[in-house]
Amino acid sequence: MDLNDDWEDKGNSRPINPLNKIPESIGPIIRIIAIIFTILIVFSVAFGSIFVSIGAGEVGVKFSQFGGVQPDELGEGLHIVPPWISVTKYSVQSQVYTMSSQASEGERVGDDRINALTSEGLTLGMDISIRYRLIPADASSVHQKLGPSYAEKILRPTIKSVIREVVSKHTAMEIYGTQRQLVAEEMQNELEARLSDDGFIVEEVLLRNVKLPERVATAIEEKLQADQEAQRMIFVKQKEELEAERKIIESNGVANATIIRARGEAESLRIINEEIKKNPDLINYKYIQMLEGQDLQTMIVPTDQGIILDATNA
């Protein structure tokens, strides 16, 4: 064969199709996959995206057009769901529901504080904040029974009912005074028992800004001030009693020291007297010791003692 013929054949040859190299048995599989993706794309355009992203602190509740709410929730991350299934996202992070007298603080605009009667029949106004969270495994049940507006349907009425029941067991002084935290803990325990079956965990109850009737508030303030003054007087009295005890102990110590010193001096005199009786000249010796070192010009001595001369100048 001529080389020129070979070059002519190569130049006139048609481009090679890569699909011709695929075995015939794999061709139908690829066509099926392509058809499925085409159908998914069509459904996505018609009914929405098949890709669902669940953010941090969220769960996704699935609703099927053919079977209703699905019991298995979607966790965090990216998921592929069929086009006939819609996903509703719920937060499972800690949330706060507030009922307050401040217009811009609570869930509702205006004075939304809870008014409740105490055990003695006084009306208290209270600002309440409830910190809670949705149990992830119960999200589908909450979605089916309550829906996204569960806070207004179950949380609010339950909170108001429990708060009023607990307040009715306590006096105004207990709620307004030092037992406020204990009352808040009692509210939390009762709310936890009521809401756990509905899919919620109550983490904390904050009892704030307790509003008393003016005359009651004045009386309580006066009582608190009287209690503080009484405590101060008790402290002062105890301090004075301790000071008196200290002075008594100090005076007793001085008295005891004086008695001991007097007894010592008496004992010393007794011993000296006994020695003088044994040796009468001892008194002359003590007398001479007392005069030693003194510049005396004249000295008078008893006549019965004789004349005492300084032997050093003799």
Protein backbone atom coordinates (compact mmCIF):
# COMPACT_ATOMS: atom_id res chain seq x y z
CA MET A 1 0.00 0.00 0.00
CA ASP A 2 1.23 3.44 -0.88
CA LEU A 3 1.96 5.84 1.98
CA ASN A 4 0.06 8.57 0.25
CA ASP A 5 -3.04 6.36 0.18
CA ASP A 6 -2.75 5.90 3.95
CA TRP A 7 -2.58 9.66 4.49
CA GLU A 8 -5.57 10.18 2.25
CA ASP A 9 -7.59 7.57 4.15
CA LYS A 10 -6.73 9.18 7.51
CA GLY A 11 -7.58 12.62 6.25
CA ASN A 12 -10.93 11.51 4.92
CA SER A 13 -11.87 9.43 8.01
CA ARG A 14 -14.91 10.60 10.13
CA PRO A 15 -14.50 11.55 13.86
CA ILE A 16 -14.77 8.62 16.24
CA ASN A 17 -17.88 8.73 18.56
CA PRO A 18 -16.91 7.82 22.21
CA LEU A 19 -20.36 6.31 22.81
CA ASN A 20 -19.55 3.66 20.20
CA LYS A 21 -16.91 2.29 22.57
CA ILE A 22 -19.51 1.69 25.39
CA PRO A 23 -20.64 -1.92 25.54
CA GLU A 24 -24.16 -2.46 24.35
CA SER A 25 -25.23 -4.01 27.74
CA ILE A 26 -24.52 -0.76 29.65
CA GLY A 27 -26.41 1.46 27.26
CA PRO A 28 -29.93 0.68 28.59
CA ILE A 29 -28.81 1.35 32.18
CA ILE A 30 -27.47 4.77 31.31
CA ARG A 31 -30.66 5.59 29.44
CA ILE A 32 -32.76 4.58 32.48
CA ILE A 33 -30.66 6.77 34.82
CA ALA A 34 -30.96 9.69 32.43
CA ILE A 35 -34.72 9.23 32.27
CA ILE A 36 -34.97 9.15 36.11
CA PHE A 37 -32.94 12.37 36.48
CA THR A 38 -35.07 13.99 33.82
CA ILE A 39 -38.22 13.03 35.69
CA LEU A 40 -36.77 14.35 39.00
CA ILE A 41 -35.87 17.63 37.39
CA VAL A 42 -39.34 17.96 35.95
CA PHE A 43 -40.94 17.21 39.34
CA SER A 44 -38.57 19.66 41.05
CA VAL A 45 -39.61 22.41 38.69
CA ALA A 46 -43.27 21.53 39.09
CA PHE A 47 -43.47 20.84 42.84
CA GLY A 48 -40.31 22.35 44.36
CA SER A 49 -36.71 21.40 45.04
CA ILE A 50 -35.82 17.86 46.06
CA PHE A 51 -32.88 19.13 48.10
CA VAL A 52 -33.64 20.21 51.69
CA SER A 53 -31.05 21.72 54.04
CA ILE A 54 -31.68 21.47 57.81
CA GLY A 55 -29.74 24.04 59.80
CA ALA A 56 -28.00 23.79 63.17
CA GLY A 57 -30.44 23.36 66.04
CA GLU A 58 -33.29 22.34 63.74
CA VAL A 59 -35.22 19.24 62.76
CA GLY A 60 -37.30 18.71 59.62
CA VAL A 61 -40.81 17.23 59.77
CA LYS A 62 -41.85 15.46 56.57
CA PHE A 63 -45.37 15.59 55.15
CA SER A 64 -46.25 13.25 52.30
CA GLN A 65 -49.04 14.05 49.87
CA PHE A 66 -49.91 10.35 49.95
CA GLY A 67 -49.39 9.43 53.63
CA GLY A 68 -49.54 12.58 55.76
CA VAL A 69 -47.00 13.40 58.50
CA GLN A 70 -44.07 11.00 58.56
CA PRO A 71 -42.82 9.80 62.00
CA ASP A 72 -39.11 10.08 61.19
CA GLU A 73 -37.61 13.59 61.41
CA LEU A 74 -34.74 14.91 59.32
CA GLY A 75 -31.60 15.83 61.22
CA GLU A 76 -29.10 18.60 60.51
CA GLY A 77 -27.51 18.65 57.05
CA LEU A 78 -28.51 18.28 53.39
CA HIS A 79 -31.21 15.77 52.44
CA ILE A 80 -32.81 14.54 49.21
CA VAL A 81 -36.54 14.01 49.48
CA PRO A 82 -39.12 13.05 46.88
CA PRO A 83 -40.98 15.96 45.30
CA TRP A 84 -44.30 14.84 46.82
CA ILE A 85 -42.91 15.35 50.35
CA SER A 86 -42.78 18.80 51.93
CA VAL A 87 -40.56 19.58 54.93
CA THR A 88 -41.36 21.95 57.81
CA LYS A 89 -38.43 23.05 59.95
CA TYR A 90 -38.67 23.33 63.75
CA SER A 91 -36.13 24.78 66.15
CA VAL A 92 -34.99 22.50 68.98
CA GLN A 93 -32.81 25.17 70.59
CA SER A 94 -33.69 26.92 73.87
CA GLN A 95 -36.43 29.49 73.40
CA VAL A 96 -38.04 32.03 75.73
CA TYR A 97 -41.71 32.85 76.08
CA THR A 98 -42.26 36.12 77.99
CA MET A 99 -45.41 37.65 79.43
CA SER A 100 -44.57 41.16 80.62
CA SER A 101 -46.07 44.51 81.56
CA GLN A 102 -43.56 46.18 79.23
CA ALA A 103 -45.12 46.83 75.83
CA SER A 104 -42.10 45.79 73.77
CA GLU A 105 -40.80 42.94 75.93
CA GLY A 106 -43.37 40.17 75.78
CA GLU A 107 -44.81 38.04 73.02
CA ARG A 108 -47.83 40.33 72.82
CA VAL A 109 -47.89 44.10 72.55
CA GLY A 110 -49.14 45.93 75.64
CA ASP A 111 -49.52 44.93 79.28
CA ASP A 112 -49.36 41.14 79.17
CA ARG A 113 -48.40 40.40 82.79
CA ILE A 114 -50.11 37.58 84.69
CA ASN A 115 -52.46 38.62 87.49
CA ALA A 116 -53.04 35.98 90.18
CA LEU A 117 -54.60 35.75 93.64
CA THR A 118 -52.47 34.77 96.64
CA SER A 119 -53.59 32.53 99.50
CA GLU A 120 -54.80 35.59 101.46
CA GLY A 121 -56.77 36.93 98.48
CA LEU A 122 -54.40 39.66 97.28
CA THR A 123 -53.93 40.27 93.55
CA LEU A 124 -50.34 40.18 92.33
CA GLY A 125 -49.10 41.23 88.89
CA MET A 126 -46.06 39.29 87.68
CA ASP A 127 -43.73 39.37 84.68
CA ILE A 128 -42.92 35.78 83.68
CA SER A 129 -40.27 34.38 81.33
CA ILE A 130 -40.25 30.65 80.53
CA ARG A 131 -37.15 29.10 78.96
CA TYR A 132 -38.07 25.90 77.10
CA ARG A 133 -37.16 23.74 74.11
CA LEU A 134 -38.85 21.28 71.78
CA ILE A 135 -37.94 17.60 72.12
CA PRO A 136 -36.52 16.59 68.69
CA ALA A 137 -38.13 13.14 68.69
CA ASP A 138 -41.56 14.70 69.31
CA ALA A 139 -41.37 17.29 66.53
CA SER A 140 -43.57 15.26 64.15
CA SER A 141 -46.22 14.79 66.84
CA VAL A 142 -46.16 18.52 67.69
CA HIS A 143 -46.48 19.37 63.99
CA GLN A 144 -49.43 17.02 63.58
CA LYS A 145 -51.31 18.08 66.75
CA LEU A 146 -50.40 21.76 67.13
CA GLY A 147 -48.48 23.02 64.13
CA PRO A 148 -45.89 25.83 64.05
CA SER A 149 -48.06 28.10 66.27
CA TYR A 150 -47.75 25.70 69.21
CA ALA A 151 -46.63 28.50 71.58
CA GLU A 152 -50.03 30.20 71.50
CA LYS A 153 -51.97 26.94 71.43
CA ILE A 154 -50.35 25.05 74.32
CA LEU A 155 -47.58 27.03 76.03
CA ARG A 156 -49.44 30.24 76.84
CA PRO A 157 -52.61 28.71 78.37
CA THR A 158 -50.60 26.14 80.32
CA ILE A 159 -48.25 28.80 81.71
CA LYS A 160 -51.12 31.01 82.88
CA SER A 161 -52.93 28.09 84.49
CA VAL A 162 -49.90 26.76 86.36
CA ILE A 163 -48.73 30.18 87.56
CA ARG A 164 -52.13 30.97 89.05
CA GLU A 165 -52.39 27.58 90.74
CA VAL A 166 -48.96 27.91 92.37
CA VAL A 167 -49.51 31.53 93.46
CA SER A 168 -52.78 30.58 95.14
CA LYS A 169 -50.81 28.32 97.53
CA HIS A 170 -48.49 31.09 98.78
CA THR A 171 -48.76 34.40 100.58
CA ALA A 172 -47.80 37.71 99.02
CA MET A 173 -44.85 37.97 101.40
CA GLU A 174 -43.47 34.60 100.26
CA ILE A 175 -43.69 35.50 96.57
CA TYR A 176 -42.44 39.06 96.99
CA GLY A 177 -39.76 38.28 99.58
CA THR A 178 -36.99 35.79 100.12
CA GLN A 179 -38.92 32.69 98.92
CA ARG A 180 -39.40 33.98 95.38
CA GLN A 181 -36.82 31.58 93.95
CA LEU A 182 -38.45 28.60 95.68
CA VAL A 183 -41.83 29.61 94.23
CA ALA A 184 -40.24 29.87 90.75
CA GLU A 185 -38.79 26.37 91.11
CA GLU A 186 -42.21 25.04 92.09
CA MET A 187 -43.66 26.65 88.95
CA GLN A 188 -40.95 25.05 86.81
CA ASN A 189 -41.60 21.56 88.22
CA GLU A 190 -45.34 21.87 87.63
CA LEU A 191 -44.89 23.15 84.07
CA GLU A 192 -42.43 20.36 83.33
CA ALA A 193 -45.00 17.77 84.43
CA ARG A 194 -47.72 19.37 82.29
CA LEU A 195 -45.73 19.97 79.07
CA SER A 196 -43.45 16.92 78.88
CA ASP A 197 -46.20 14.78 77.34
CA ASP A 198 -46.77 17.47 74.71
CA GLY A 199 -43.13 17.33 73.58
CA PHE A 200 -41.53 20.22 75.53
CA ILE A 201 -38.84 20.53 78.19
CA VAL A 202 -39.08 23.46 80.62
CA GLU A 203 -35.56 24.57 81.51
CA GLU A 204 -36.21 27.57 83.77
CA VAL A 205 -38.91 29.88 85.09
CA LEU A 206 -37.97 33.50 85.74
CA LEU A 207 -40.36 35.28 88.10
CA ARG A 208 -39.71 39.00 87.65
CA ASN A 209 -41.14 42.36 88.68
CA VAL A 210 -43.77 41.23 91.19
CA LYS A 211 -46.30 44.08 91.50
CA LEU A 212 -48.16 44.34 94.81
CA PRO A 213 -51.09 46.57 95.78
CA GLU A 214 -49.63 49.87 96.97
CA ARG A 215 -50.77 49.56 100.58
CA VAL A 216 -49.47 45.99 100.78
CA ALA A 217 -46.14 46.95 99.24
CA THR A 218 -45.76 49.75 101.80
CA ALA A 219 -46.60 47.41 104.68
CA ILE A 220 -44.15 44.78 103.46
CA GLU A 221 -41.39 47.35 103.02
CA GLU A 222 -41.99 48.60 106.55
CA LYS A 223 -41.92 45.05 107.88
CA LEU A 224 -38.68 44.31 106.05
CA GLN A 225 -37.12 47.48 107.44
CA ALA A 226 -38.33 46.57 110.93
CA ASP A 227 -36.83 43.08 110.56
CA GLN A 228 -33.52 44.58 109.43
CA GLU A 229 -33.54 47.02 112.37
CA ALA A 230 -34.32 44.17 114.77
CA GLN A 231 -31.44 42.15 113.36
CA ARG A 232 -29.16 45.17 113.77
CA MET A 233 -30.25 45.63 117.40
CA ILE A 234 -29.63 41.96 118.10
CA PHE A 235 -26.14 42.36 116.68
CA VAL A 236 -25.51 45.47 118.80
CA LYS A 237 -26.79 43.70 121.92
CA GLN A 238 -24.60 40.68 121.30
CA LYS A 239 -21.63 42.97 120.77
CA GLU A 240 -22.29 44.82 124.04
CA GLU A 241 -22.72 41.55 125.92
CA LEU A 242 -19.42 40.30 124.58
CA GLU A 243 -17.74 43.57 125.58
CA ALA A 244 -19.22 43.33 129.10
CA GLU A 245 -17.99 39.75 129.39
CA ARG A 246 -14.55 40.87 128.28
CA LYS A 247 -14.44 43.61 130.94
CA ILE A 248 -15.61 41.20 133.64
CA ILE A 249 -12.92 38.75 132.67
CA GLU A 250 -10.35 41.54 132.60
CA SER A 251 -11.41 42.89 136.05
CA ASN A 252 -11.43 39.38 137.48
CA GLY A 253 -7.92 38.93 136.17
CA VAL A 254 -6.76 42.16 137.82
CA ALA A 255 -8.47 41.21 141.09
CA ASN A 256 -6.95 37.78 141.05
CA ALA A 257 -3.53 39.25 140.36
CA THR A 258 -3.92 41.69 143.30
CA ILE A 259 -5.01 38.88 145.60
CA ILE A 260 -2.10 36.72 144.55
CA ARG A 261 0.34 39.62 145.01
CA ALA A 262 -1.11 40.43 148.47
CA ARG A 263 -0.89 36.82 149.51
CA GLY A 264 2.71 36.76 148.35
CA GLU A 265 3.60 39.86 150.31
CA ALA A 266 1.85 38.51 153.44
CA GLU A 267 3.73 35.26 153.12
CA SER A 268 6.97 37.18 152.68
CA LEU A 269 6.31 39.22 155.87
CA ARG A 270 5.45 36.07 157.76
CA ILE A 271 8.74 34.48 156.80
CA ILE A 272 10.68 37.67 157.72
CA ASN A 273 9.01 37.86 161.12
CA GLU A 274 9.83 34.25 161.83
CA GLU A 275 13.46 34.85 160.91
CA ILE A 276 13.68 37.99 163.07
CA LYS A 277 12.33 36.03 166.02
CA LYS A 278 15.04 33.47 165.47
CA ASN A 279 17.79 36.10 164.98
CA PRO A 280 17.00 39.60 166.39
CA ASP A 281 20.20 41.08 164.94
CA LEU A 282 18.78 40.56 161.45
CA ILE A 283 16.83 43.77 161.72
CA ASN A 284 20.02 45.75 162.33
CA TYR A 285 21.56 44.14 159.25
CA LYS A 286 18.58 45.13 157.12
CA TYR A 287 18.75 48.65 158.55
CA ILE A 288 22.42 48.98 157.65
CA GLN A 289 21.68 47.71 154.08
CA MET A 290 19.02 50.38 153.69
CA LEU A 291 21.47 53.16 154.74
CA GLU A 292 24.29 51.92 152.55
CA GLY A 293 25.28 54.37 149.84
CA GLN A 294 23.47 57.34 151.39
CA ASP A 295 25.37 60.58 152.36
CA LEU A 296 24.36 61.04 156.00
CA GLN A 297 25.82 63.69 158.33
CA THR A 298 23.80 62.82 161.42
CA MET A 299 22.19 59.55 162.40
CA ILE A 300 20.05 58.84 165.39
CA VAL A 301 19.93 55.30 166.64
CA PRO A 302 18.17 53.71 169.58
CA THR A 303 20.21 54.01 172.82
CA ASP A 304 19.90 50.35 173.55
CA GLN A 305 21.61 49.49 170.24
CA GLY A 306 24.91 51.15 170.93
CA ILE A 307 26.89 53.35 168.56
CA ILE A 308 27.34 52.18 165.00
CA LEU A 309 30.62 53.35 163.40
CA ASP A 310 31.87 53.01 159.86
CA ALA A 311 34.85 50.72 160.25
CA THR A 312 36.28 51.75 156.88
CA ASN A 313 37.07 55.32 158.15
CA ALA A 314 38.42 54.26 161.57
